[in-house]
Amino acid sequence: MIAEFQVLDTEDFYIEHLLDDQENIELIKSFSVPNNAIGLENYLKNQSILDEKGNNCRTYLIKDKSTNELVSYFSIKTGLITMQLHKEYFESIPAIELSNFAVNHVYRQKHPEISRIGSYSFKYFILPLVRCLSKFVGINSLYIYALPQEKLIEHYKTLGFARLPQKQEKFVQYHVKPKYDEGCIFMVQSL
């Protein structure tokens, strides 16, 4: 699978599917996030491999080319956004869910000279991969359930995500949001 996505590699970083290298299983054990996002760490360490084997989600690691350190990770899966446009009918929008996305705190601490790792990972790895997928299957949106932290929500806005109008957001929150994303804010961007 590496060869398929080498085009996404940059000068300093490369992408690798979680199960492409057995060493990745050991590597993810040292992944760390600040306390307010511990669910993202737990997912990578305790659930991602099961989701891979069950074909529920794909997890990708972004690694440093010179050191092979784990820089960040993200998980994507197909999804569907259902919106109520009129009282009597709904609109279904084909989409990809960015179900997990986090920067390795350990890597940040060891490399304080490297800034904007999350934005870089999104721009050079996540978006190109999703756009590549949209050439093979109908996808016109990318969405995320963001932790309800104003700083994080503002950051996602700089990446091109937006919140829905309040009525539509409440509809999505009530009808579509998975239990594990309870309390999170639905955000979306068109491709």
Protein backbone atom coordinates (compact mmCIF):
# COMPACT_ATOMS: atom_id res chain seq x y z
CA MET A 1 0.00 0.00 0.00
CA ILE A 2 2.95 2.39 0.53
CA ALA A 3 3.61 2.66 -3.21
CA GLU A 4 0.05 3.84 -3.81
CA PHE A 5 0.51 6.90 -1.63
CA GLN A 6 4.16 7.78 -2.11
CA VAL A 7 2.98 10.68 -4.22
CA LEU A 8 1.74 12.15 -0.95
CA ASP A 9 5.18 12.09 0.63
CA THR A 10 6.82 15.45 1.23
CA GLU A 11 10.44 16.45 1.68
CA ASP A 12 10.39 15.81 5.43
CA PHE A 13 7.49 13.40 6.06
CA TYR A 14 5.83 10.33 4.61
CA ILE A 15 2.54 8.52 5.04
CA GLU A 16 2.15 4.87 5.91
CA HIS A 17 -0.91 2.73 6.46
CA LEU A 18 -1.02 1.45 10.05
CA LEU A 19 -0.70 -2.20 9.07
CA ASP A 20 1.94 -1.75 6.35
CA ASP A 21 4.79 -2.35 8.77
CA GLN A 22 4.75 -4.58 11.86
CA GLU A 23 6.98 -2.01 13.62
CA ASN A 24 4.05 0.42 13.57
CA ILE A 25 2.29 -1.67 16.22
CA GLU A 26 5.19 -0.96 18.60
CA LEU A 27 5.52 2.64 17.44
CA ILE A 28 1.95 3.60 18.32
CA LYS A 29 2.49 2.52 21.94
CA SER A 30 4.52 5.69 22.56
CA PHE A 31 1.97 8.03 20.93
CA SER A 32 0.77 10.71 23.32
CA VAL A 33 -1.70 13.58 23.35
CA PRO A 34 -2.53 16.18 26.00
CA ASN A 35 -5.14 15.12 28.58
CA ASN A 36 -8.07 16.86 26.88
CA ALA A 37 -7.79 14.53 23.86
CA ILE A 38 -6.99 11.23 25.57
CA GLY A 39 -9.72 9.50 23.53
CA LEU A 40 -7.60 9.99 20.39
CA GLU A 41 -4.65 8.29 22.07
CA ASN A 42 -6.82 5.46 23.34
CA TYR A 43 -8.30 4.93 19.90
CA LEU A 44 -4.90 4.57 18.23
CA LYS A 45 -3.53 2.23 20.90
CA ASN A 46 -6.60 0.14 21.66
CA GLN A 47 -9.13 0.24 18.83
CA SER A 48 -7.48 1.14 15.52
CA ILE A 49 -6.16 -2.34 14.74
CA LEU A 50 -9.57 -3.91 15.42
CA ASP A 51 -11.22 -1.34 13.14
CA GLU A 52 -8.65 -2.10 10.45
CA LYS A 53 -9.29 -5.83 10.62
CA GLY A 54 -13.05 -5.28 10.59
CA ASN A 55 -12.84 -2.89 7.61
CA ASN A 56 -14.52 -0.18 9.68
CA CYS A 57 -11.85 2.49 9.38
CA ARG A 58 -8.41 3.11 7.89
CA THR A 59 -5.66 4.63 10.00
CA TYR A 60 -2.59 6.29 8.53
CA LEU A 61 0.60 7.34 10.25
CA ILE A 62 2.62 10.35 9.22
CA LYS A 63 6.27 9.77 9.98
CA ASP A 64 9.48 11.77 9.92
CA LYS A 65 11.63 10.72 6.94
CA SER A 66 14.94 11.16 8.71
CA THR A 67 14.08 9.58 12.08
CA ASN A 68 10.99 7.42 11.34
CA GLU A 69 9.35 8.98 14.40
CA LEU A 70 5.56 9.07 14.52
CA VAL A 71 4.53 12.67 13.83
CA SER A 72 0.74 12.39 13.66
CA TYR A 73 -2.03 10.02 12.70
CA PHE A 74 -5.47 10.16 11.18
CA SER A 75 -8.31 7.77 10.54
CA ILE A 76 -10.85 8.02 7.77
CA LYS A 77 -13.97 6.12 6.81
CA THR A 78 -16.85 6.53 4.47
CA GLY A 79 -19.81 8.41 5.72
CA LEU A 80 -23.03 10.08 4.81
CA ILE A 81 -24.33 13.44 5.90
CA THR A 82 -28.10 13.54 6.18
CA MET A 83 -29.71 16.95 6.32
CA GLN A 84 -33.32 17.91 6.58
CA LEU A 85 -33.89 20.52 3.88
CA HIS A 86 -37.66 20.64 4.16
CA LYS A 87 -40.05 19.30 6.72
CA GLU A 88 -41.01 16.34 4.57
CA TYR A 89 -37.71 15.18 3.04
CA PHE A 90 -33.98 14.77 3.57
CA GLU A 91 -30.85 15.24 1.49
CA SER A 92 -28.05 12.66 1.67
CA ILE A 93 -24.55 13.92 0.94
CA PRO A 94 -21.74 11.41 0.22
CA ALA A 95 -18.75 12.16 2.41
CA ILE A 96 -15.64 10.95 4.19
CA GLU A 97 -15.42 11.19 7.96
CA LEU A 98 -12.12 12.27 9.43
CA SER A 99 -12.86 10.16 12.48
CA ASN A 100 -9.54 10.63 14.28
CA PHE A 101 -6.77 13.17 13.84
CA ALA A 102 -4.00 13.97 16.31
CA VAL A 103 -0.42 15.15 16.51
CA ASN A 104 2.03 13.16 18.63
CA HIS A 105 2.83 15.23 21.72
CA VAL A 106 6.12 13.34 22.14
CA TYR A 107 7.22 14.41 18.65
CA ARG A 108 6.21 18.04 19.32
CA GLN A 109 8.28 18.11 22.49
CA LYS A 110 11.35 16.64 20.79
CA HIS A 111 11.05 19.00 17.81
CA PRO A 112 9.81 22.39 19.05
CA GLU A 113 11.33 24.03 15.96
CA ILE A 114 8.68 22.37 13.77
CA SER A 115 5.42 24.29 13.97
CA ARG A 116 1.93 23.80 12.53
CA ILE A 117 2.27 20.03 12.31
CA GLY A 118 -1.50 19.49 12.35
CA SER A 119 -2.14 21.99 9.55
CA TYR A 120 0.72 20.52 7.54
CA SER A 121 -0.59 16.97 8.03
CA PHE A 122 -4.04 18.05 6.92
CA LYS A 123 -2.91 19.99 3.85
CA TYR A 124 -0.31 17.56 2.51
CA PHE A 125 -1.69 14.18 3.55
CA ILE A 126 -5.36 14.12 4.52
CA LEU A 127 -6.82 16.39 1.83
CA PRO A 128 -4.82 14.84 -1.04
CA LEU A 129 -5.83 11.34 0.05
CA VAL A 130 -9.51 12.27 0.30
CA ARG A 131 -9.38 14.04 -3.07
CA CYS A 132 -7.73 10.97 -4.58
CA LEU A 133 -10.53 8.78 -3.22
CA SER A 134 -13.13 11.14 -4.69
CA LYS A 135 -11.83 10.23 -8.15
CA PHE A 136 -12.99 6.64 -7.60
CA VAL A 137 -16.17 7.01 -5.58
CA GLY A 138 -18.72 9.76 -5.06
CA ILE A 139 -17.51 12.03 -2.26
CA ASN A 140 -18.21 15.72 -2.10
CA SER A 141 -17.60 16.55 1.54
CA LEU A 142 -15.22 15.88 4.41
CA TYR A 143 -16.53 16.07 7.96
CA ILE A 144 -15.28 15.82 11.49
CA TYR A 145 -16.74 15.75 14.99
CA ALA A 146 -14.53 18.27 16.77
CA LEU A 147 -13.94 18.31 20.48
CA PRO A 148 -15.97 21.22 21.89
CA GLN A 149 -12.99 23.49 22.52
CA GLU A 150 -13.16 26.95 20.99
CA LYS A 151 -9.46 27.01 20.09
CA LEU A 152 -9.77 23.67 18.28
CA ILE A 153 -12.97 24.71 16.48
CA GLU A 154 -11.26 27.90 15.31
CA HIS A 155 -8.29 25.84 14.13
CA TYR A 156 -10.58 23.59 12.07
CA LYS A 157 -12.13 26.69 10.55
CA THR A 158 -8.67 27.73 9.31
CA LEU A 159 -8.44 24.29 7.66
CA GLY A 160 -11.66 24.97 5.73
CA PHE A 161 -14.25 23.34 8.00
CA ALA A 162 -17.43 25.17 8.94
CA ARG A 163 -20.26 24.60 11.34
CA LEU A 164 -23.77 24.17 9.98
CA PRO A 165 -26.58 26.61 10.66
CA GLN A 166 -27.90 25.90 14.15
CA LYS A 167 -31.08 24.08 13.05
CA GLN A 168 -29.17 21.76 10.69
CA GLU A 169 -26.44 21.18 13.28
CA LYS A 170 -29.02 20.10 15.84
CA PHE A 171 -30.58 17.74 13.31
CA VAL A 172 -27.22 16.12 12.53
CA GLN A 173 -26.28 15.97 16.22
CA TYR A 174 -29.58 14.24 17.06
CA HIS A 175 -29.92 11.85 14.08
CA VAL A 176 -26.45 11.02 12.86
CA LYS A 177 -23.72 11.54 15.45
CA PRO A 178 -22.25 8.33 16.85
CA LYS A 179 -22.39 7.81 20.61
CA TYR A 180 -18.58 8.02 20.94
CA ASP A 181 -18.70 11.56 19.53
CA GLU A 182 -21.21 12.75 22.13
CA GLY A 183 -20.55 16.37 23.03
CA CYS A 184 -18.47 16.99 19.89
CA ILE A 185 -19.25 19.60 17.26
CA PHE A 186 -20.07 18.55 13.70
CA MET A 187 -18.02 20.47 11.12
CA VAL A 188 -17.88 19.99 7.35
CA GLN A 189 -16.13 21.22 4.23
CA SER A 190 -16.93 20.73 0.55
CA LEU A 191 -14.30 19.15 -1.65
